[in-house]
Amino acid sequence: MADTGNTVRALREARGWSQARLAEELGVSRQTVNAIETGRFDPSLPLALRIAQLFEHPLETIFWLT
């Protein structure tokens, strides 16, 4: 299985949002946001698409395989 990377933390911080705020926007727990940001959890496709839509960035600019 390939490792993945993401820019979720940078996008969140650019908006001045806490992990709790992003979690609320996405309908997930703060722990889920933390796990995504630290690479311990890869989001489901629907969640990844919601993140991309929320930040108005193409999915492949937020998540990638390393």
PDB file of N, CA and C in Angstrom:
ATOM      1  N   MET A   1       0.842  -1.183   0.000  1.00  0.00           N
ATOM      2  CA  MET A   1       0.000   0.000   0.000  1.00  0.00           C
ATOM      3  C   MET A   1       0.887   1.246   0.000  1.00  0.00           C
ATOM      4  N   ALA A   2       0.542   2.199  -0.829  1.00  0.00           N
ATOM      5  CA  ALA A   2       1.330   3.428  -0.943  1.00  0.00           C
ATOM      6  C   ALA A   2       1.024   4.367   0.218  1.00  0.00           C
ATOM      7  N   ASP A   3       2.025   5.128   0.603  1.00  0.00           N
ATOM      8  CA  ASP A   3       1.812   6.178   1.597  1.00  0.00           C
ATOM      9  C   ASP A   3       1.105   7.336   0.921  1.00  0.00           C
ATOM     10  N   THR A   4       0.372   8.089   1.720  1.00  0.00           N
ATOM     11  CA  THR A   4      -0.328   9.246   1.173  1.00  0.00           C
ATOM     12  C   THR A   4       0.124  10.511   1.881  1.00  0.00           C
ATOM     13  N   GLY A   5      -0.082  11.630   1.222  1.00  0.00           N
ATOM     14  CA  GLY A   5       0.204  12.934   1.795  1.00  0.00           C
ATOM     15  C   GLY A   5      -0.988  13.836   1.571  1.00  0.00           C
ATOM     16  N   ASN A   6      -1.026  14.921   2.312  1.00  0.00           N
ATOM     17  CA  ASN A   6      -2.121  15.856   2.112  1.00  0.00           C
ATOM     18  C   ASN A   6      -1.745  17.245   2.628  1.00  0.00           C
ATOM     19  N   THR A   7      -2.536  18.222   2.202  1.00  0.00           N
ATOM     20  CA  THR A   7      -2.337  19.610   2.608  1.00  0.00           C
ATOM     21  C   THR A   7      -3.483  20.120   3.477  1.00  0.00           C
ATOM     22  N   VAL A   8      -4.207  19.218   4.106  1.00  0.00           N
ATOM     23  CA  VAL A   8      -5.388  19.615   4.880  1.00  0.00           C
ATOM     24  C   VAL A   8      -5.010  20.606   5.984  1.00  0.00           C
ATOM     25  N   ARG A   9      -3.953  20.317   6.721  1.00  0.00           N
ATOM     26  CA  ARG A   9      -3.565  21.230   7.807  1.00  0.00           C
ATOM     27  C   ARG A   9      -3.270  22.635   7.261  1.00  0.00           C
ATOM     28  N   ALA A  10      -2.501  22.728   6.194  1.00  0.00           N
ATOM     29  CA  ALA A  10      -2.154  24.031   5.632  1.00  0.00           C
ATOM     30  C   ALA A  10      -3.398  24.770   5.155  1.00  0.00           C
ATOM     31  N   LEU A  11      -4.314  24.071   4.514  1.00  0.00           N
ATOM     32  CA  LEU A  11      -5.544  24.704   4.046  1.00  0.00           C
ATOM     33  C   LEU A  11      -6.395  25.191   5.216  1.00  0.00           C
ATOM     34  N   ARG A  12      -6.488  24.371   6.246  1.00  0.00           N
ATOM     35  CA  ARG A  12      -7.254  24.741   7.438  1.00  0.00           C
ATOM     36  C   ARG A  12      -6.644  25.969   8.104  1.00  0.00           C
ATOM     37  N   GLU A  13      -5.334  25.944   8.292  1.00  0.00           N
ATOM     38  CA  GLU A  13      -4.657  27.055   8.959  1.00  0.00           C
ATOM     39  C   GLU A  13      -4.744  28.341   8.145  1.00  0.00           C
ATOM     40  N   ALA A  14      -4.742  28.221   6.819  1.00  0.00           N
ATOM     41  CA  ALA A  14      -4.858  29.402   5.963  1.00  0.00           C
ATOM     42  C   ALA A  14      -6.199  30.110   6.167  1.00  0.00           C
ATOM     43  N   ARG A  15      -7.201  29.356   6.564  1.00  0.00           N
ATOM     44  CA  ARG A  15      -8.514  29.951   6.850  1.00  0.00           C
ATOM     45  C   ARG A  15      -8.642  30.391   8.302  1.00  0.00           C
ATOM     46  N   GLY A  16      -7.636  30.081   9.106  1.00  0.00           N
ATOM     47  CA  GLY A  16      -7.690  30.440  10.517  1.00  0.00           C
ATOM     48  C   GLY A  16      -8.626  29.568  11.320  1.00  0.00           C
ATOM     49  N   TRP A  17      -8.901  28.369  10.818  1.00  0.00           N
ATOM     50  CA  TRP A  17      -9.825  27.461  11.487  1.00  0.00           C
ATOM     51  C   TRP A  17      -9.092  26.521  12.430  1.00  0.00           C
ATOM     52  N   SER A  18      -9.754  26.171  13.514  1.00  0.00           N
ATOM     53  CA  SER A  18      -9.266  25.121  14.406  1.00  0.00           C
ATOM     54  C   SER A  18      -9.650  23.767  13.813  1.00  0.00           C
ATOM     55  N   GLN A  19      -9.049  22.721  14.353  1.00  0.00           N
ATOM     56  CA  GLN A  19      -9.455  21.378  13.930  1.00  0.00           C
ATOM     57  C   GLN A  19     -10.929  21.155  14.255  1.00  0.00           C
ATOM     58  N   ALA A  20     -11.388  21.691  15.374  1.00  0.00           N
ATOM     59  CA  ALA A  20     -12.792  21.539  15.761  1.00  0.00           C
ATOM     60  C   ALA A  20     -13.716  22.209  14.751  1.00  0.00           C
ATOM     61  N   ARG A  21     -13.324  23.376  14.270  1.00  0.00           N
ATOM     62  CA  ARG A  21     -14.146  24.088  13.279  1.00  0.00           C
ATOM     63  C   ARG A  21     -14.223  23.291  11.982  1.00  0.00           C
ATOM     64  N   LEU A  22     -13.090  22.786  11.510  1.00  0.00           N
ATOM     65  CA  LEU A  22     -13.101  21.993  10.287  1.00  0.00           C
ATOM     66  C   LEU A  22     -13.938  20.737  10.480  1.00  0.00           C
ATOM     67  N   ALA A  23     -13.797  20.102  11.625  1.00  0.00           N
ATOM     68  CA  ALA A  23     -14.586  18.899  11.911  1.00  0.00           C
ATOM     69  C   ALA A  23     -16.076  19.205  11.843  1.00  0.00           C
ATOM     70  N   GLU A  24     -16.475  20.341  12.405  1.00  0.00           N
ATOM     71  CA  GLU A  24     -17.878  20.745  12.377  1.00  0.00           C
ATOM     72  C   GLU A  24     -18.349  20.968  10.949  1.00  0.00           C
ATOM     73  N   GLU A  25     -17.526  21.646  10.148  1.00  0.00           N
ATOM     74  CA  GLU A  25     -17.883  21.899   8.742  1.00  0.00           C
ATOM     75  C   GLU A  25     -18.068  20.597   7.962  1.00  0.00           C
ATOM     76  N   LEU A  26     -17.272  19.572   8.316  1.00  0.00           N
ATOM     77  CA  LEU A  26     -17.294  18.302   7.590  1.00  0.00           C
ATOM     78  C   LEU A  26     -18.229  17.268   8.198  1.00  0.00           C
ATOM     79  N   GLY A  27     -18.704  17.514   9.412  1.00  0.00           N
ATOM     80  CA  GLY A  27     -19.570  16.550  10.079  1.00  0.00           C
ATOM     81  C   GLY A  27     -18.822  15.332  10.593  1.00  0.00           C
ATOM     82  N   VAL A  28     -17.569  15.543  11.026  1.00  0.00           N
ATOM     83  CA  VAL A  28     -16.756  14.460  11.593  1.00  0.00           C
ATOM     84  C   VAL A  28     -16.199  14.933  12.932  1.00  0.00           C
ATOM     85  N   SER A  29     -15.487  14.064  13.621  1.00  0.00           N
ATOM     86  CA  SER A  29     -14.907  14.434  14.909  1.00  0.00           C
ATOM     87  C   SER A  29     -13.578  15.176  14.715  1.00  0.00           C
ATOM     88  N   ARG A  30     -13.197  15.924  15.732  1.00  0.00           N
ATOM     89  CA  ARG A  30     -11.896  16.592  15.703  1.00  0.00           C
ATOM     90  C   ARG A  30     -10.776  15.575  15.600  1.00  0.00           C
ATOM     91  N   GLN A  31     -10.958  14.416  16.229  1.00  0.00           N
ATOM     92  CA  GLN A  31      -9.955  13.359  16.170  1.00  0.00           C
ATOM     93  C   GLN A  31      -9.776  12.854  14.746  1.00  0.00           C
ATOM     94  N   THR A  32     -10.844  12.798  13.988  1.00  0.00           N
ATOM     95  CA  THR A  32     -10.752  12.389  12.583  1.00  0.00           C
ATOM     96  C   THR A  32      -9.940  13.405  11.790  1.00  0.00           C
ATOM     97  N   VAL A  33     -10.194  14.679  12.008  1.00  0.00           N
ATOM     98  CA  VAL A  33      -9.426  15.724  11.323  1.00  0.00           C
ATOM     99  C   VAL A  33      -7.951  15.594  11.683  1.00  0.00           C
ATOM    100  N   ASN A  34      -7.650  15.417  12.958  1.00  0.00           N
ATOM    101  CA  ASN A  34      -6.267  15.269  13.389  1.00  0.00           C
ATOM    102  C   ASN A  34      -5.617  14.063  12.718  1.00  0.00           C
ATOM    103  N   ALA A  35      -6.325  12.945  12.662  1.00  0.00           N
ATOM    104  CA  ALA A  35      -5.774  11.731  12.050  1.00  0.00           C
ATOM    105  C   ALA A  35      -5.522  11.916  10.561  1.00  0.00           C
ATOM    106  N   ILE A  36      -6.393  12.632   9.876  1.00  0.00           N
ATOM    107  CA  ILE A  36      -6.182  12.917   8.452  1.00  0.00           C
ATOM    108  C   ILE A  36      -4.951  13.805   8.277  1.00  0.00           C
ATOM    109  N   GLU A  37      -4.879  14.877   9.068  1.00  0.00           N
ATOM    110  CA  GLU A  37      -3.763  15.814   8.940  1.00  0.00           C
ATOM    111  C   GLU A  37      -2.412  15.163   9.210  1.00  0.00           C
ATOM    112  N   THR A  38      -2.372  14.228  10.133  1.00  0.00           N
ATOM    113  CA  THR A  38      -1.101  13.582  10.494  1.00  0.00           C
ATOM    114  C   THR A  38      -0.814  12.334   9.679  1.00  0.00           C
ATOM    115  N   GLY A  39      -1.709  11.990   8.759  1.00  0.00           N
ATOM    116  CA  GLY A  39      -1.482  10.847   7.890  1.00  0.00           C
ATOM    117  C   GLY A  39      -1.762   9.495   8.530  1.00  0.00           C
ATOM    118  N   ARG A  40      -2.394   9.495   9.692  1.00  0.00           N
ATOM    119  CA  ARG A  40      -2.740   8.220  10.339  1.00  0.00           C
ATOM    120  C   ARG A  40      -4.028   7.630   9.788  1.00  0.00           C
ATOM    121  N   PHE A  41      -4.784   8.428   9.039  1.00  0.00           N
ATOM    122  CA  PHE A  41      -6.074   7.991   8.513  1.00  0.00           C
ATOM    123  C   PHE A  41      -6.266   8.592   7.138  1.00  0.00           C
ATOM    124  N   ASP A  42      -6.619   7.753   6.177  1.00  0.00           N
ATOM    125  CA  ASP A  42      -6.978   8.220   4.840  1.00  0.00           C
ATOM    126  C   ASP A  42      -8.498   8.332   4.781  1.00  0.00           C
ATOM    127  N   PRO A  43      -9.015   9.494   4.429  1.00  0.00           N
ATOM    128  CA  PRO A  43     -10.470   9.661   4.394  1.00  0.00           C
ATOM    129  C   PRO A  43     -11.106   8.826   3.293  1.00  0.00           C
ATOM    130  N   SER A  44     -12.372   8.509   3.499  1.00  0.00           N
ATOM    131  CA  SER A  44     -13.143   7.849   2.445  1.00  0.00           C
ATOM    132  C   SER A  44     -13.234   8.801   1.256  1.00  0.00           C
ATOM    133  N   LEU A  45     -13.562   8.274   0.105  1.00  0.00           N
ATOM    134  CA  LEU A  45     -13.704   9.123  -1.079  1.00  0.00           C
ATOM    135  C   LEU A  45     -14.762  10.203  -0.873  1.00  0.00           C
ATOM    136  N   PRO A  46     -15.943   9.884  -0.333  1.00  0.00           N
ATOM    137  CA  PRO A  46     -16.922  10.958  -0.116  1.00  0.00           C
ATOM    138  C   PRO A  46     -16.398  12.055   0.816  1.00  0.00           C
ATOM    139  N   LEU A  47     -15.675  11.687   1.871  1.00  0.00           N
ATOM    140  CA  LEU A  47     -15.125  12.691   2.777  1.00  0.00           C
ATOM    141  C   LEU A  47     -14.032  13.498   2.092  1.00  0.00           C
ATOM    142  N   ALA A  48     -13.174  12.845   1.342  1.00  0.00           N
ATOM    143  CA  ALA A  48     -12.120  13.555   0.610  1.00  0.00           C
ATOM    144  C   ALA A  48     -12.741  14.547  -0.379  1.00  0.00           C
ATOM    145  N   LEU A  49     -13.806  14.154  -1.030  1.00  0.00           N
ATOM    146  CA  LEU A  49     -14.481  15.056  -1.974  1.00  0.00           C
ATOM    147  C   LEU A  49     -15.115  16.240  -1.249  1.00  0.00           C
ATOM    148  N   ARG A  50     -15.680  16.006  -0.057  1.00  0.00           N
ATOM    149  CA  ARG A  50     -16.240  17.108   0.732  1.00  0.00           C
ATOM    150  C   ARG A  50     -15.140  18.094   1.133  1.00  0.00           C
ATOM    151  N   ILE A  51     -13.972  17.565   1.510  1.00  0.00           N
ATOM    152  CA  ILE A  51     -12.844  18.427   1.869  1.00  0.00           C
ATOM    153  C   ILE A  51     -12.438  19.278   0.665  1.00  0.00           C
ATOM    154  N   ALA A  52     -12.314  18.645  -0.494  1.00  0.00           N
ATOM    155  CA  ALA A  52     -11.930  19.370  -1.710  1.00  0.00           C
ATOM    156  C   ALA A  52     -12.958  20.441  -2.051  1.00  0.00           C
ATOM    157  N   GLN A  53     -14.219  20.117  -1.921  1.00  0.00           N
ATOM    158  CA  GLN A  53     -15.277  21.082  -2.221  1.00  0.00           C
ATOM    159  C   GLN A  53     -15.251  22.234  -1.213  1.00  0.00           C
ATOM    160  N   LEU A  54     -15.072  21.923   0.056  1.00  0.00           N
ATOM    161  CA  LEU A  54     -15.045  22.952   1.086  1.00  0.00           C
ATOM    162  C   LEU A  54     -13.917  23.950   0.854  1.00  0.00           C
ATOM    163  N   PHE A  55     -12.727  23.445   0.502  1.00  0.00           N
ATOM    164  CA  PHE A  55     -11.579  24.316   0.291  1.00  0.00           C
ATOM    165  C   PHE A  55     -11.467  24.829  -1.142  1.00  0.00           C
ATOM    166  N   GLU A  56     -12.370  24.386  -2.005  1.00  0.00           N
ATOM    167  CA  GLU A  56     -12.408  24.827  -3.408  1.00  0.00           C
ATOM    168  C   GLU A  56     -11.080  24.572  -4.114  1.00  0.00           C
ATOM    169  N   HIS A  57     -10.554  23.358  -3.918  1.00  0.00           N
ATOM    170  CA  HIS A  57      -9.320  22.915  -4.566  1.00  0.00           C
ATOM    171  C   HIS A  57      -9.589  21.559  -5.218  1.00  0.00           C
ATOM    172  N   PRO A  58      -8.918  21.259  -6.322  1.00  0.00           N
ATOM    173  CA  PRO A  58      -9.044  19.923  -6.898  1.00  0.00           C
ATOM    174  C   PRO A  58      -8.545  18.867  -5.906  1.00  0.00           C
ATOM    175  N   LEU A  59      -9.206  17.741  -5.881  1.00  0.00           N
ATOM    176  CA  LEU A  59      -8.864  16.654  -4.962  1.00  0.00           C
ATOM    177  C   LEU A  59      -7.389  16.293  -5.019  1.00  0.00           C
ATOM    178  N   GLU A  60      -6.826  16.213  -6.220  1.00  0.00           N
ATOM    179  CA  GLU A  60      -5.437  15.770  -6.367  1.00  0.00           C
ATOM    180  C   GLU A  60      -4.423  16.806  -5.884  1.00  0.00           C
ATOM    181  N   THR A  61      -4.852  18.033  -5.616  1.00  0.00           N
ATOM    182  CA  THR A  61      -3.940  19.016  -5.023  1.00  0.00           C
ATOM    183  C   THR A  61      -3.973  18.975  -3.508  1.00  0.00           C
ATOM    184  N   ILE A  62      -4.930  18.255  -2.942  1.00  0.00           N
ATOM    185  CA  ILE A  62      -5.040  18.121  -1.492  1.00  0.00           C
ATOM    186  C   ILE A  62      -4.497  16.780  -1.027  1.00  0.00           C
ATOM    187  N   PHE A  63      -4.779  15.725  -1.770  1.00  0.00           N
ATOM    188  CA  PHE A  63      -4.354  14.365  -1.411  1.00  0.00           C
ATOM    189  C   PHE A  63      -3.534  13.773  -2.547  1.00  0.00           C
ATOM    190  N   TRP A  64      -2.486  13.038  -2.208  1.00  0.00           N
ATOM    191  CA  TRP A  64      -1.669  12.386  -3.219  1.00  0.00           C
ATOM    192  C   TRP A  64      -0.994  11.141  -2.637  1.00  0.00           C
ATOM    193  N   LEU A  65      -0.559  10.270  -3.556  1.00  0.00           N
ATOM    194  CA  LEU A  65       0.230   9.092  -3.179  1.00  0.00           C
ATOM    195  C   LEU A  65       1.700   9.452  -3.224  1.00  0.00           C
ATOM    196  N   THR A  66       2.463   8.934  -2.282  1.00  0.00           N
ATOM    197  CA  THR A  66       3.907   9.202  -2.255  1.00  0.00           C
ATOM    198  C   THR A  66       4.672   7.957  -2.628  1.00  0.00           C
TER     199      THR A  66
END
